[in-house]
Amino acid sequence: MELSEDPDGFYSSTFLYKDGDNDVIHAGPVWDFDVAFGYYKTAH
């Protein structure tokens, strides 16, 4: 997250889910850099 300057990493883009009662817990998405690498504009 630091290398890609991803401002929403682990803040608004990480989810835990199960696909049914007998499933294990999954975390994702693995690749979510929609506002990283310079695509994020701040108010500065």
N, C-alpha and C. Protein backbone atom coordinates (compact mmCIF):
# COMPACT_ATOMS: atom_id res chain seq x y z
N MET A 1 0.82 -1.19 0.00
CA MET A 1 0.00 0.00 0.00
C MET A 1 0.87 1.26 0.00
N GLU A 2 1.98 1.21 0.68
CA GLU A 2 2.87 2.37 0.71
C GLU A 2 3.51 2.62 -0.66
N LEU A 3 3.95 1.56 -1.30
CA LEU A 3 4.60 1.70 -2.60
C LEU A 3 3.65 2.26 -3.66
N SER A 4 2.41 1.81 -3.65
CA SER A 4 1.45 2.26 -4.66
C SER A 4 0.70 3.52 -4.25
N GLU A 5 0.94 4.02 -3.03
CA GLU A 5 0.24 5.19 -2.50
C GLU A 5 -1.27 5.01 -2.57
N ASP A 6 -1.74 3.85 -2.16
CA ASP A 6 -3.16 3.53 -2.18
C ASP A 6 -3.82 4.09 -0.93
N PRO A 7 -4.62 5.15 -1.03
CA PRO A 7 -5.19 5.78 0.16
C PRO A 7 -6.30 4.98 0.83
N ASP A 8 -6.95 4.06 0.10
CA ASP A 8 -8.04 3.31 0.72
C ASP A 8 -7.67 1.87 1.05
N GLY A 9 -6.40 1.54 1.01
CA GLY A 9 -5.97 0.19 1.35
C GLY A 9 -6.26 -0.14 2.80
N PHE A 10 -6.95 -1.20 3.03
CA PHE A 10 -7.35 -1.67 4.35
C PHE A 10 -8.31 -0.71 5.06
N TYR A 11 -8.80 0.27 4.36
CA TYR A 11 -9.73 1.22 4.97
C TYR A 11 -11.15 1.01 4.44
N SER A 12 -11.29 1.04 3.12
CA SER A 12 -12.62 0.88 2.54
C SER A 12 -12.68 -0.18 1.45
N SER A 13 -11.60 -0.89 1.23
CA SER A 13 -11.59 -1.85 0.14
C SER A 13 -11.24 -3.27 0.59
N THR A 14 -11.33 -3.57 1.85
CA THR A 14 -11.05 -4.91 2.34
C THR A 14 -12.32 -5.49 2.95
N PHE A 15 -12.71 -6.65 2.47
CA PHE A 15 -13.95 -7.26 2.93
C PHE A 15 -13.71 -8.71 3.34
N LEU A 16 -14.45 -9.18 4.32
CA LEU A 16 -14.45 -10.57 4.74
C LEU A 16 -15.81 -11.16 4.40
N TYR A 17 -15.82 -12.37 3.84
CA TYR A 17 -17.09 -12.98 3.46
C TYR A 17 -17.01 -14.50 3.50
N LYS A 18 -18.17 -15.12 3.56
CA LYS A 18 -18.30 -16.58 3.49
C LYS A 18 -19.32 -16.92 2.41
N ASP A 19 -19.08 -17.98 1.67
CA ASP A 19 -20.01 -18.45 0.65
C ASP A 19 -20.83 -19.62 1.20
N GLY A 20 -21.62 -19.35 2.22
CA GLY A 20 -22.45 -20.39 2.83
C GLY A 20 -22.00 -20.71 4.24
N ASP A 21 -22.80 -21.51 4.92
CA ASP A 21 -22.54 -21.83 6.33
C ASP A 21 -21.31 -22.70 6.53
N ASN A 22 -21.00 -23.57 5.59
CA ASN A 22 -19.89 -24.51 5.74
C ASN A 22 -18.59 -24.02 5.10
N ASP A 23 -18.54 -22.80 4.65
CA ASP A 23 -17.37 -22.26 3.97
C ASP A 23 -16.43 -21.58 4.97
N VAL A 24 -15.17 -21.44 4.58
CA VAL A 24 -14.20 -20.71 5.39
C VAL A 24 -14.32 -19.21 5.10
N ILE A 25 -13.69 -18.39 5.91
CA ILE A 25 -13.74 -16.95 5.70
C ILE A 25 -12.72 -16.56 4.64
N HIS A 26 -13.18 -15.78 3.67
CA HIS A 26 -12.33 -15.27 2.60
C HIS A 26 -12.11 -13.77 2.81
N ALA A 27 -10.96 -13.26 2.38
CA ALA A 27 -10.68 -11.82 2.42
C ALA A 27 -10.40 -11.36 1.01
N GLY A 28 -10.85 -10.18 0.69
CA GLY A 28 -10.60 -9.69 -0.67
C GLY A 28 -11.09 -8.27 -0.80
N PRO A 29 -10.93 -7.69 -1.93
CA PRO A 29 -10.30 -8.23 -3.13
C PRO A 29 -8.78 -8.18 -3.03
N VAL A 30 -8.13 -9.07 -3.73
CA VAL A 30 -6.68 -9.12 -3.69
C VAL A 30 -6.08 -7.94 -4.45
N TRP A 31 -6.70 -7.58 -5.54
CA TRP A 31 -6.16 -6.52 -6.39
C TRP A 31 -7.18 -5.41 -6.51
N ASP A 32 -7.06 -4.38 -5.70
CA ASP A 32 -7.97 -3.25 -5.76
C ASP A 32 -7.15 -1.97 -5.65
N PHE A 33 -6.62 -1.53 -6.75
CA PHE A 33 -5.82 -0.31 -6.78
C PHE A 33 -6.47 0.71 -7.69
N ASP A 34 -7.79 0.89 -7.55
CA ASP A 34 -8.51 1.81 -8.43
C ASP A 34 -8.16 3.28 -8.18
N VAL A 35 -7.67 3.61 -7.00
CA VAL A 35 -7.30 5.00 -6.73
C VAL A 35 -5.82 5.10 -6.34
N ALA A 36 -5.01 4.20 -6.84
CA ALA A 36 -3.58 4.19 -6.51
C ALA A 36 -2.75 4.64 -7.71
N PHE A 37 -1.46 4.73 -7.50
CA PHE A 37 -0.49 5.08 -8.54
C PHE A 37 -0.82 6.40 -9.23
N GLY A 38 -1.24 7.39 -8.45
CA GLY A 38 -1.46 8.72 -9.00
C GLY A 38 -2.88 9.01 -9.47
N TYR A 39 -3.81 8.05 -9.35
CA TYR A 39 -5.18 8.30 -9.77
C TYR A 39 -6.00 8.99 -8.70
N TYR A 40 -5.45 9.13 -7.51
CA TYR A 40 -6.16 9.76 -6.39
C TYR A 40 -5.73 11.21 -6.29
N LYS A 41 -6.67 12.11 -6.28
CA LYS A 41 -6.38 13.54 -6.18
C LYS A 41 -6.82 14.05 -4.82
N THR A 42 -5.92 14.73 -4.13
CA THR A 42 -6.28 15.31 -2.83
C THR A 42 -6.72 16.74 -3.00
N ALA A 43 -7.18 17.33 -1.94
CA ALA A 43 -7.66 18.73 -1.98
C ALA A 43 -6.52 19.73 -1.89
N HIS A 44 -5.28 19.28 -1.78
CA HIS A 44 -4.15 20.19 -1.63
C HIS A 44 -3.88 20.93 -2.92
